[in-house]
């Protein structure tokens, strides 16, 4: 949702909690579309223009569009959250990095469980134990690091760069 992976140049991204660059019908209609460039932030005392209202109205049913973000009491699915695609990637991964997240929702935990089931190595980088810690603490194929991600990722990047020079 914060767009950091995209800004870093990554292309194969599964934004399982959605993103604020896309909108979808609040009534569950057809498609997910990009947020029109004409839509800008508003101050609390500013009203939407007629054009903005038109752009934020579903062309199929006339309901309001809303951010393409998973809200409380909603369920993960493939269309919005890439549920099955992300589980397939987890199944075929050799390593899963869990960085700066609690794991308090079911799809991230399912991704970690799937990766473990298919013998991926799990690297848990957080400042404290989280839901993921319970899942992996007794596993052999894990590394638990209790540091700030900004510091440890610099070290990991350096290690990877040195390995790529050797290989």
Protein backbone atom coordinates (compact mmCIF):
# COMPACT_ATOMS: atom_id res chain seq x y z
CA UNK A 1 0.00 0.00 0.00
CA UNK A 2 2.92 2.35 0.61
CA UNK A 3 4.30 1.84 -2.92
CA UNK A 4 7.88 1.37 -1.63
CA UNK A 5 8.49 -1.90 -3.50
CA UNK A 6 7.24 -0.38 -6.74
CA UNK A 7 9.39 2.73 -6.24
CA UNK A 8 12.39 0.46 -5.62
CA UNK A 9 11.91 -1.03 -9.09
CA UNK A 10 10.22 -4.32 -8.26
CA UNK A 11 7.65 -5.48 -10.78
CA UNK A 12 6.26 -8.80 -9.53
CA UNK A 13 4.43 -7.52 -6.48
CA UNK A 14 1.41 -9.05 -4.74
CA UNK A 15 -0.22 -6.26 -2.75
CA UNK A 16 -2.36 -8.56 -0.65
CA UNK A 17 -3.90 -5.71 1.29
CA UNK A 18 -4.58 -3.70 -1.86
CA UNK A 19 -3.34 -0.24 -2.71
CA UNK A 20 -4.58 3.33 -2.91
CA UNK A 21 -3.68 3.73 -6.60
CA UNK A 22 -6.71 1.69 -7.62
CA UNK A 23 -10.43 1.93 -6.97
CA UNK A 24 -13.31 -0.51 -7.20
CA UNK A 25 -17.08 -0.39 -6.88
CA UNK A 26 -18.35 -0.30 -3.30
CA UNK A 27 -21.19 -2.55 -4.51
CA UNK A 28 -18.85 -5.26 -5.81
CA UNK A 29 -19.18 -4.66 -9.57
CA UNK A 30 -16.88 -5.72 -12.36
CA UNK A 31 -13.45 -4.27 -12.45
CA UNK A 32 -10.66 -2.64 -10.54
CA UNK A 33 -9.46 0.57 -12.21
CA UNK A 34 -6.66 3.05 -11.63
CA UNK A 35 -7.55 6.08 -9.55
CA UNK A 36 -8.09 8.86 -12.11
CA UNK A 37 -5.27 11.42 -12.13
CA UNK A 38 -7.87 14.19 -11.84
CA UNK A 39 -8.72 13.04 -8.30
CA UNK A 40 -6.62 14.98 -5.82
CA UNK A 41 -6.70 15.22 -2.05
CA UNK A 42 -9.23 17.57 -0.49
CA UNK A 43 -9.36 19.60 2.67
CA UNK A 44 -12.25 18.76 4.98
CA UNK A 45 -14.12 21.90 3.96
CA UNK A 46 -13.79 21.27 0.19
CA UNK A 47 -16.55 19.57 -1.78
CA UNK A 48 -16.13 17.25 -4.74
CA UNK A 49 -16.70 18.78 -8.13
CA UNK A 50 -19.29 17.33 -10.50
CA UNK A 51 -16.45 15.83 -12.60
CA UNK A 52 -14.87 14.21 -9.51
CA UNK A 53 -18.22 12.74 -8.50
CA UNK A 54 -18.59 11.32 -12.00
CA UNK A 55 -15.09 9.82 -11.86
CA UNK A 56 -15.79 8.28 -8.45
CA UNK A 57 -19.08 6.68 -9.49
CA UNK A 58 -19.24 3.11 -10.81
CA UNK A 59 -20.07 3.14 -14.51
CA UNK A 60 -21.97 -0.17 -14.16
CA UNK A 61 -24.28 0.42 -11.19
CA UNK A 62 -23.88 4.04 -10.07
CA UNK A 63 -22.54 3.27 -6.56
CA UNK A 64 -19.51 5.07 -5.17
CA UNK A 65 -16.07 3.75 -5.99
CA UNK A 66 -13.75 3.07 -3.06
CA UNK A 67 -10.04 2.38 -2.59
CA UNK A 68 -8.93 -1.10 -3.59
CA UNK A 69 -7.88 -1.87 -0.03
CA UNK A 70 -8.83 -4.81 2.18
CA UNK A 71 -10.93 -3.44 5.03
CA UNK A 72 -11.83 -5.11 8.32
CA UNK A 73 -14.43 -7.86 7.98
CA UNK A 74 -13.58 -8.40 4.31
CA UNK A 75 -12.14 -11.59 2.84
CA UNK A 76 -9.07 -12.13 0.72
CA UNK A 77 -9.76 -13.19 -2.86
CA UNK A 78 -7.78 -13.58 -6.08
CA UNK A 79 -9.19 -10.58 -7.94
CA UNK A 80 -8.46 -7.97 -5.30
CA UNK A 81 -5.74 -9.52 -3.17
CA UNK A 82 -4.04 -12.16 -5.35
CA UNK A 83 -4.77 -14.78 -2.68
CA UNK A 84 -4.10 -17.89 -4.78
CA UNK A 85 -1.25 -16.33 -6.78
CA UNK A 86 0.59 -15.38 -3.58
CA UNK A 87 0.10 -18.87 -2.11
CA UNK A 88 1.44 -20.42 -5.33
CA UNK A 89 4.52 -18.20 -5.17
CA UNK A 90 5.00 -19.17 -1.50
CA UNK A 91 4.77 -22.85 -2.45
CA UNK A 92 7.54 -22.43 -5.01
CA UNK A 93 9.83 -20.16 -2.97
CA UNK A 94 13.11 -21.20 -1.47
CA UNK A 95 13.09 -18.36 1.06
CA UNK A 96 10.50 -16.09 2.61
CA UNK A 97 11.47 -12.83 4.26
CA UNK A 98 9.02 -11.52 6.86
CA UNK A 99 9.97 -7.92 7.49
CA UNK A 100 8.33 -5.38 9.77
CA UNK A 101 4.91 -6.98 9.99
CA UNK A 102 2.88 -8.58 12.74
CA UNK A 103 1.24 -11.40 10.80
CA UNK A 104 -2.06 -10.63 12.47
CA UNK A 105 -4.19 -11.46 9.41
CA UNK A 106 -4.80 -14.84 7.85
CA UNK A 107 -3.30 -14.55 4.34
CA UNK A 108 0.18 -13.51 5.49
CA UNK A 109 0.13 -16.41 7.96
CA UNK A 110 -1.10 -18.78 5.23
CA UNK A 111 1.75 -17.61 2.98
CA UNK A 112 4.28 -18.40 5.73
CA UNK A 113 2.61 -21.76 6.49
CA UNK A 114 2.67 -22.68 2.79
CA UNK A 115 6.32 -21.71 2.43
CA UNK A 116 7.18 -23.82 5.50
CA UNK A 117 5.17 -26.78 4.23
CA UNK A 118 7.24 -26.77 1.05
CA UNK A 119 10.50 -26.38 3.03
CA UNK A 120 11.31 -22.74 2.33
CA UNK A 121 13.74 -20.98 4.61
CA UNK A 122 11.98 -18.30 6.68
CA UNK A 123 13.77 -15.11 7.72
CA UNK A 124 11.80 -13.13 10.31
CA UNK A 125 13.10 -9.57 10.70
CA UNK A 126 11.17 -7.60 13.31
CA UNK A 127 12.03 -5.61 16.39
CA UNK A 128 10.01 -8.01 18.57
CA UNK A 129 8.26 -11.36 18.44
CA UNK A 130 5.01 -11.40 16.43
CA UNK A 131 2.45 -13.97 15.25
CA UNK A 132 4.99 -15.37 12.78
CA UNK A 133 7.41 -16.12 15.61
CA UNK A 134 5.07 -18.74 17.08
CA UNK A 135 4.80 -20.38 13.69
CA UNK A 136 8.53 -20.73 13.09
CA UNK A 137 10.27 -20.72 16.47
CA UNK A 138 10.66 -24.52 16.64
CA UNK A 139 11.58 -24.99 12.96
CA UNK A 140 15.08 -25.71 11.71
CA UNK A 141 14.71 -23.73 8.48
CA UNK A 142 14.39 -20.31 10.06
CA UNK A 143 16.38 -17.26 11.03
CA UNK A 144 14.92 -14.86 13.58
CA UNK A 145 16.50 -11.40 13.69
CA UNK A 146 15.37 -8.83 16.25
CA UNK A 147 16.74 -5.62 14.75
CA UNK A 148 15.38 -2.66 12.83
CA UNK A 149 14.85 -3.65 9.21
CA UNK A 150 16.56 -0.51 7.91
CA UNK A 151 19.83 -1.60 9.51
CA UNK A 152 19.73 -5.34 8.88
CA UNK A 153 18.60 -4.99 5.24
CA UNK A 154 21.74 -2.97 4.51
CA UNK A 155 23.81 -5.88 5.82
CA UNK A 156 21.78 -8.43 3.82
CA UNK A 157 22.16 -6.32 0.66
CA UNK A 158 25.92 -6.21 1.15
CA UNK A 159 26.08 -9.99 1.68
CA UNK A 160 23.99 -10.64 -1.46
CA UNK A 161 26.14 -8.27 -3.54
CA UNK A 162 29.31 -10.00 -2.31
CA UNK A 163 27.81 -13.41 -3.12
CA UNK A 164 26.88 -12.32 -6.63
CA UNK A 165 30.50 -11.29 -7.24
CA UNK A 166 31.69 -14.76 -6.17
CA UNK A 167 29.11 -16.65 -8.22
